Amino acid sequence: LKKYTHELDALGPELAESPASIVLSMIT
């Protein structure tokens, strides 16, 4: 459970942010 929870956190949530917000987050 710990392993898969950590892996899920690393994958991030499903696309819920705006494209501009995702780009800004990745650049930062």
PDB file of all heavy atoms in Angstrom:
ATOM      1  N   LEU A   1       0.834  -1.198   0.000  1.00  0.00           N
ATOM      2  CA  LEU A   1       0.000   0.000   0.000  1.00  0.00           C
ATOM      3  C   LEU A   1       0.874   1.255   0.000  1.00  0.00           C
ATOM      4  O   LEU A   1       0.605   2.217  -0.740  1.00  0.00           O
ATOM      5  CB  LEU A   1      -0.925  -0.008   1.221  1.00  0.00           C
ATOM      6  CG  LEU A   1      -1.874   1.194   1.363  1.00  0.00           C
ATOM      7  CD1 LEU A   1      -2.756   1.332   0.134  1.00  0.00           C
ATOM      8  CD2 LEU A   1      -2.721   1.053   2.622  1.00  0.00           C
ATOM      9  N   LYS A   2       1.911   1.230   0.794  1.00  0.00           N
ATOM     10  CA  LYS A   2       2.833   2.375   0.855  1.00  0.00           C
ATOM     11  C   LYS A   2       3.509   2.590  -0.501  1.00  0.00           C
ATOM     12  O   LYS A   2       3.631   3.720  -0.985  1.00  0.00           O
ATOM     13  CB  LYS A   2       3.883   2.118   1.943  1.00  0.00           C
ATOM     14  CG  LYS A   2       4.809   3.291   2.195  1.00  0.00           C
ATOM     15  CD  LYS A   2       5.760   2.972   3.334  1.00  0.00           C
ATOM     16  CE  LYS A   2       6.716   4.132   3.592  1.00  0.00           C
ATOM     17  NZ  LYS A   2       7.674   3.818   4.682  1.00  0.00           N
ATOM     18  N   LYS A   3       3.933   1.493  -1.123  1.00  0.00           N
ATOM     19  CA  LYS A   3       4.615   1.574  -2.419  1.00  0.00           C
ATOM     20  C   LYS A   3       3.703   2.178  -3.490  1.00  0.00           C
ATOM     21  O   LYS A   3       4.099   3.108  -4.209  1.00  0.00           O
ATOM     22  CB  LYS A   3       5.059   0.165  -2.841  1.00  0.00           C
ATOM     23  CG  LYS A   3       5.573   0.082  -4.271  1.00  0.00           C
ATOM     24  CD  LYS A   3       5.707  -1.367  -4.718  1.00  0.00           C
ATOM     25  CE  LYS A   3       5.858  -1.454  -6.227  1.00  0.00           C
ATOM     26  NZ  LYS A   3       5.800  -2.829  -6.723  1.00  0.00           N
ATOM     27  N   TYR A   4       2.481   1.659  -3.601  1.00  0.00           N
ATOM     28  CA  TYR A   4       1.578   2.134  -4.654  1.00  0.00           C
ATOM     29  C   TYR A   4       1.061   3.543  -4.360  1.00  0.00           C
ATOM     30  O   TYR A   4       0.810   4.316  -5.288  1.00  0.00           O
ATOM     31  CB  TYR A   4       0.425   1.157  -4.852  1.00  0.00           C
ATOM     32  CG  TYR A   4       0.830  -0.080  -5.610  1.00  0.00           C
ATOM     33  CD1 TYR A   4       1.033  -1.296  -4.971  1.00  0.00           C
ATOM     34  CD2 TYR A   4       1.040  -0.030  -6.983  1.00  0.00           C
ATOM     35  CE1 TYR A   4       1.425  -2.426  -5.669  1.00  0.00           C
ATOM     36  CE2 TYR A   4       1.427  -1.150  -7.695  1.00  0.00           C
ATOM     37  CZ  TYR A   4       1.621  -2.341  -7.033  1.00  0.00           C
ATOM     38  OH  TYR A   4       2.019  -3.459  -7.738  1.00  0.00           O
ATOM     39  N   THR A   5       0.901   3.902  -3.085  1.00  0.00           N
ATOM     40  CA  THR A   5       0.489   5.262  -2.740  1.00  0.00           C
ATOM     41  C   THR A   5       1.565   6.258  -3.148  1.00  0.00           C
ATOM     42  O   THR A   5       1.282   7.321  -3.707  1.00  0.00           O
ATOM     43  CB  THR A   5       0.209   5.376  -1.228  1.00  0.00           C
ATOM     44  OG1 THR A   5      -0.786   4.417  -0.859  1.00  0.00           O
ATOM     45  CG2 THR A   5      -0.272   6.760  -0.864  1.00  0.00           C
ATOM     46  N   HIS A   6       2.824   5.893  -2.865  1.00  0.00           N
ATOM     47  CA  HIS A   6       3.945   6.759  -3.251  1.00  0.00           C
ATOM     48  C   HIS A   6       4.014   6.897  -4.769  1.00  0.00           C
ATOM     49  O   HIS A   6       4.232   7.995  -5.295  1.00  0.00           O
ATOM     50  CB  HIS A   6       5.254   6.165  -2.707  1.00  0.00           C
ATOM     51  CG  HIS A   6       6.462   6.959  -3.076  1.00  0.00           C
ATOM     52  ND1 HIS A   6       6.764   8.172  -2.486  1.00  0.00           N
ATOM     53  CD2 HIS A   6       7.441   6.736  -4.006  1.00  0.00           C
ATOM     54  CE1 HIS A   6       7.868   8.655  -3.023  1.00  0.00           C
ATOM     55  NE2 HIS A   6       8.306   7.809  -3.945  1.00  0.00           N
ATOM     56  N   GLU A   7       3.820   5.796  -5.472  1.00  0.00           N
ATOM     57  CA  GLU A   7       3.860   5.825  -6.938  1.00  0.00           C
ATOM     58  C   GLU A   7       2.722   6.675  -7.490  1.00  0.00           C
ATOM     59  O   GLU A   7       2.907   7.432  -8.455  1.00  0.00           O
ATOM     60  CB  GLU A   7       3.767   4.390  -7.479  1.00  0.00           C
ATOM     61  CG  GLU A   7       4.140   4.275  -8.947  1.00  0.00           C
ATOM     62  CD  GLU A   7       4.257   2.827  -9.411  1.00  0.00           C
ATOM     63  OE1 GLU A   7       4.634   1.970  -8.585  1.00  0.00           O
ATOM     64  OE2 GLU A   7       3.965   2.574 -10.588  1.00  0.00           O
ATOM     65  N   LEU A   8       1.561   6.592  -6.865  1.00  0.00           N
ATOM     66  CA  LEU A   8       0.416   7.384  -7.301  1.00  0.00           C
ATOM     67  C   LEU A   8       0.672   8.871  -7.081  1.00  0.00           C
ATOM     68  O   LEU A   8       0.332   9.707  -7.937  1.00  0.00           O
ATOM     69  CB  LEU A   8      -0.837   6.944  -6.531  1.00  0.00           C
ATOM     70  CG  LEU A   8      -2.178   7.499  -7.015  1.00  0.00           C
ATOM     71  CD1 LEU A   8      -2.444   7.095  -8.459  1.00  0.00           C
ATOM     72  CD2 LEU A   8      -3.303   7.011  -6.122  1.00  0.00           C
ATOM     73  N   ASP A   9       1.292   9.201  -5.951  1.00  0.00           N
ATOM     74  CA  ASP A   9       1.628  10.602  -5.682  1.00  0.00           C
ATOM     75  C   ASP A   9       2.606  11.131  -6.727  1.00  0.00           C
ATOM     76  O   ASP A   9       2.509  12.273  -7.174  1.00  0.00           O
ATOM     77  CB  ASP A   9       2.228  10.746  -4.279  1.00  0.00           C
ATOM     78  CG  ASP A   9       1.197  10.518  -3.186  1.00  0.00           C
ATOM     79  OD1 ASP A   9      -0.009  10.601  -3.492  1.00  0.00           O
ATOM     80  OD2 ASP A   9       1.598  10.228  -2.043  1.00  0.00           O
ATOM     81  N   ALA A  10       3.578  10.280  -7.109  1.00  0.00           N
ATOM     82  CA  ALA A  10       4.573  10.689  -8.107  1.00  0.00           C
ATOM     83  C   ALA A  10       3.930  10.911  -9.476  1.00  0.00           C
ATOM     84  O   ALA A  10       4.338  11.802 -10.232  1.00  0.00           O
ATOM     85  CB  ALA A  10       5.676   9.634  -8.204  1.00  0.00           C
ATOM     86  N   LEU A  11       2.911  10.105  -9.796  1.00  0.00           N
ATOM     87  CA  LEU A  11       2.229  10.257 -11.088  1.00  0.00           C
ATOM     88  C   LEU A  11       1.365  11.507 -11.121  1.00  0.00           C
ATOM     89  O   LEU A  11       1.092  12.051 -12.199  1.00  0.00           O
ATOM     90  CB  LEU A  11       1.353   9.023 -11.364  1.00  0.00           C
ATOM     91  CG  LEU A  11       2.099   7.726 -11.676  1.00  0.00           C
ATOM     92  CD1 LEU A  11       1.134   6.557 -11.643  1.00  0.00           C
ATOM     93  CD2 LEU A  11       2.794   7.811 -13.025  1.00  0.00           C
ATOM     94  N   GLY A  12       0.941  11.979  -9.951  1.00  0.00           N
ATOM     95  CA  GLY A  12       0.125  13.180  -9.889  1.00  0.00           C
ATOM     96  C   GLY A  12      -1.338  12.883 -10.168  1.00  0.00           C
ATOM     97  O   GLY A  12      -1.690  11.834 -10.704  1.00  0.00           O
ATOM     98  N   PRO A  13      -2.207  13.830  -9.834  1.00  0.00           N
ATOM     99  CA  PRO A  13      -3.644  13.624 -10.068  1.00  0.00           C
ATOM    100  C   PRO A  13      -3.979  13.726 -11.545  1.00  0.00           C
ATOM    101  O   PRO A  13      -3.167  14.179 -12.351  1.00  0.00           O
ATOM    102  CB  PRO A  13      -4.287  14.771  -9.276  1.00  0.00           C
ATOM    103  CG  PRO A  13      -3.235  15.839  -9.267  1.00  0.00           C
ATOM    104  CD  PRO A  13      -1.909  15.124  -9.224  1.00  0.00           C
ATOM    105  N   GLU A  14      -5.161  13.285 -11.879  1.00  0.00           N
ATOM    106  CA  GLU A  14      -5.616  13.430 -13.263  1.00  0.00           C
ATOM    107  C   GLU A  14      -5.708  14.911 -13.616  1.00  0.00           C
ATOM    108  O   GLU A  14      -5.825  15.761 -12.741  1.00  0.00           O
ATOM    109  CB  GLU A  14      -6.985  12.757 -13.433  1.00  0.00           C
ATOM    110  CG  GLU A  14      -6.930  11.248 -13.325  1.00  0.00           C
ATOM    111  CD  GLU A  14      -8.268  10.612 -13.648  1.00  0.00           C
ATOM    112  OE1 GLU A  14      -8.762  10.846 -14.758  1.00  0.00           O
ATOM    113  OE2 GLU A  14      -8.804   9.902 -12.784  1.00  0.00           O
ATOM    114  N   LEU A  15      -5.627  15.188 -14.913  1.00  0.00           N
ATOM    115  CA  LEU A  15      -5.564  16.565 -15.396  1.00  0.00           C
ATOM    116  C   LEU A  15      -6.757  17.368 -14.882  1.00  0.00           C
ATOM    117  O   LEU A  15      -7.880  17.189 -15.324  1.00  0.00           O
ATOM    118  CB  LEU A  15      -5.545  16.573 -16.932  1.00  0.00           C
ATOM    119  CG  LEU A  15      -5.227  17.914 -17.588  1.00  0.00           C
ATOM    120  CD1 LEU A  15      -3.857  18.399 -17.139  1.00  0.00           C
ATOM    121  CD2 LEU A  15      -5.255  17.778 -19.097  1.00  0.00           C
ATOM    122  N   ALA A  16      -6.468  18.268 -13.929  1.00  0.00           N
ATOM    123  CA  ALA A  16      -7.525  19.099 -13.379  1.00  0.00           C
ATOM    124  C   ALA A  16      -7.156  20.577 -13.509  1.00  0.00           C
ATOM    125  O   ALA A  16      -8.006  21.447 -13.409  1.00  0.00           O
ATOM    126  CB  ALA A  16      -7.762  18.760 -11.908  1.00  0.00           C
ATOM    127  N   GLU A  17      -5.861  20.869 -13.715  1.00  0.00           N
ATOM    128  CA  GLU A  17      -5.393  22.247 -13.843  1.00  0.00           C
ATOM    129  C   GLU A  17      -5.511  22.705 -15.292  1.00  0.00           C
ATOM    130  O   GLU A  17      -5.635  21.903 -16.207  1.00  0.00           O
ATOM    131  CB  GLU A  17      -3.935  22.343 -13.398  1.00  0.00           C
ATOM    132  CG  GLU A  17      -3.669  21.833 -11.996  1.00  0.00           C
ATOM    133  CD  GLU A  17      -2.185  21.785 -11.704  1.00  0.00           C
ATOM    134  OE1 GLU A  17      -1.619  22.832 -11.370  1.00  0.00           O
ATOM    135  OE2 GLU A  17      -1.596  20.701 -11.839  1.00  0.00           O
ATOM    136  N   SER A  18      -5.404  24.017 -15.475  1.00  0.00           N
ATOM    137  CA  SER A  18      -5.400  24.566 -16.832  1.00  0.00           C
ATOM    138  C   SER A  18      -4.052  24.271 -17.483  1.00  0.00           C
ATOM    139  O   SER A  18      -3.039  24.122 -16.791  1.00  0.00           O
ATOM    140  CB  SER A  18      -5.629  26.071 -16.786  1.00  0.00           C
ATOM    141  OG  SER A  18      -4.510  26.708 -16.184  1.00  0.00           O
ATOM    142  N   PRO A  19      -4.017  24.204 -18.820  1.00  0.00           N
ATOM    143  CA  PRO A  19      -2.738  23.955 -19.504  1.00  0.00           C
ATOM    144  C   PRO A  19      -1.665  24.964 -19.123  1.00  0.00           C
ATOM    145  O   PRO A  19      -0.509  24.600 -18.901  1.00  0.00           O
ATOM    146  CB  PRO A  19      -3.125  24.056 -20.982  1.00  0.00           C
ATOM    147  CG  PRO A  19      -4.564  23.674 -21.026  1.00  0.00           C
ATOM    148  CD  PRO A  19      -5.153  24.209 -19.760  1.00  0.00           C
ATOM    149  N   ALA A  20      -2.046  26.251 -19.030  1.00  0.00           N
ATOM    150  CA  ALA A  20      -1.064  27.282 -18.677  1.00  0.00           C
ATOM    151  C   ALA A  20      -0.494  27.041 -17.281  1.00  0.00           C
ATOM    152  O   ALA A  20       0.706  27.215 -17.042  1.00  0.00           O
ATOM    153  CB  ALA A  20      -1.718  28.663 -18.746  1.00  0.00           C
ATOM    154  N   SER A  21      -1.350  26.597 -16.360  1.00  0.00           N
ATOM    155  CA  SER A  21      -0.904  26.327 -14.990  1.00  0.00           C
ATOM    156  C   SER A  21       0.081  25.162 -14.957  1.00  0.00           C
ATOM    157  O   SER A  21       1.072  25.188 -14.219  1.00  0.00           O
ATOM    158  CB  SER A  21      -2.114  26.026 -14.114  1.00  0.00           C
ATOM    159  OG  SER A  21      -1.718  25.672 -12.820  1.00  0.00           O
ATOM    160  N   ILE A  22      -0.171  24.135 -15.771  1.00  0.00           N
ATOM    161  CA  ILE A  22       0.727  22.971 -15.823  1.00  0.00           C
ATOM    162  C   ILE A  22       2.084  23.370 -16.383  1.00  0.00           C
ATOM    163  O   ILE A  22       3.138  22.994 -15.847  1.00  0.00           O
ATOM    164  CB  ILE A  22       0.094  21.856 -16.682  1.00  0.00           C
ATOM    165  CG1 ILE A  22      -1.149  21.302 -16.001  1.00  0.00           C
ATOM    166  CG2 ILE A  22       1.094  20.736 -16.933  1.00  0.00           C
ATOM    167  CD1 ILE A  22      -1.979  20.391 -16.867  1.00  0.00           C
ATOM    168  N   VAL A  23       2.070  24.174 -17.463  1.00  0.00           N
ATOM    169  CA  VAL A  23       3.329  24.622 -18.068  1.00  0.00           C
ATOM    170  C   VAL A  23       4.121  25.465 -17.075  1.00  0.00           C
ATOM    171  O   VAL A  23       5.335  25.286 -16.901  1.00  0.00           O
ATOM    172  CB  VAL A  23       3.056  25.413 -19.367  1.00  0.00           C
ATOM    173  CG1 VAL A  23       4.341  26.032 -19.898  1.00  0.00           C
ATOM    174  CG2 VAL A  23       2.440  24.501 -20.418  1.00  0.00           C
ATOM    175  N   LEU A  24       3.441  26.388 -16.413  1.00  0.00           N
ATOM    176  CA  LEU A  24       4.101  27.248 -15.427  1.00  0.00           C
ATOM    177  C   LEU A  24       4.709  26.418 -14.306  1.00  0.00           C
ATOM    178  O   LEU A  24       5.853  26.643 -13.884  1.00  0.00           O
ATOM    179  CB  LEU A  24       3.092  28.250 -14.854  1.00  0.00           C
ATOM    180  CG  LEU A  24       3.620  29.176 -13.752  1.00  0.00           C
ATOM    181  CD1 LEU A  24       4.762  30.031 -14.272  1.00  0.00           C
ATOM    182  CD2 LEU A  24       2.492  30.052 -13.202  1.00  0.00           C
ATOM    183  N   SER A  25       3.947  25.420 -13.840  1.00  0.00           N
ATOM    184  CA  SER A  25       4.426  24.559 -12.753  1.00  0.00           C
ATOM    185  C   SER A  25       5.663  23.778 -13.173  1.00  0.00           C
ATOM    186  O   SER A  25       6.632  23.681 -12.406  1.00  0.00           O
ATOM    187  CB  SER A  25       3.305  23.599 -12.339  1.00  0.00           C
ATOM    188  OG  SER A  25       3.764  22.689 -11.380  1.00  0.00           O
ATOM    189  N   MET A  26       5.661  23.261 -14.417  1.00  0.00           N
ATOM    190  CA  MET A  26       6.805  22.477 -14.868  1.00  0.00           C
ATOM    191  C   MET A  26       8.037  23.365 -15.066  1.00  0.00           C
ATOM    192  O   MET A  26       9.161  22.976 -14.713  1.00  0.00           O
ATOM    193  CB  MET A  26       6.479  21.728 -16.163  1.00  0.00           C
ATOM    194  CG  MET A  26       7.622  20.855 -16.644  1.00  0.00           C
ATOM    195  SD  MET A  26       7.208  19.771 -18.021  1.00  0.00           S
ATOM    196  CE  MET A  26       6.271  18.496 -17.191  1.00  0.00           C
ATOM    197  N   ILE A  27       7.851  24.561 -15.625  1.00  0.00           N
ATOM    198  CA  ILE A  27       8.984  25.476 -15.824  1.00  0.00           C
ATOM    199  C   ILE A  27       9.582  25.871 -14.478  1.00  0.00           C
ATOM    200  O   ILE A  27      10.808  25.875 -14.299  1.00  0.00           O
ATOM    201  CB  ILE A  27       8.532  26.725 -16.610  1.00  0.00           C
ATOM    202  CG1 ILE A  27       8.216  26.354 -18.059  1.00  0.00           C
ATOM    203  CG2 ILE A  27       9.601  27.811 -16.570  1.00  0.00           C
ATOM    204  CD1 ILE A  27       7.603  27.476 -18.874  1.00  0.00           C
ATOM    205  N   THR A  28       8.721  26.179 -13.521  1.00  0.00           N
ATOM    206  CA  THR A  28       9.195  26.548 -12.181  1.00  0.00           C
ATOM    207  C   THR A  28       9.937  25.391 -11.533  1.00  0.00           C
ATOM    208  O   THR A  28      11.014  25.566 -10.943  1.00  0.00           O
ATOM    209  CB  THR A  28       8.006  26.971 -11.287  1.00  0.00           C
ATOM    210  OG1 THR A  28       7.296  28.019 -11.935  1.00  0.00           O
ATOM    211  CG2 THR A  28       8.487  27.426  -9.932  1.00  0.00           C
TER     212      THR A  28
END
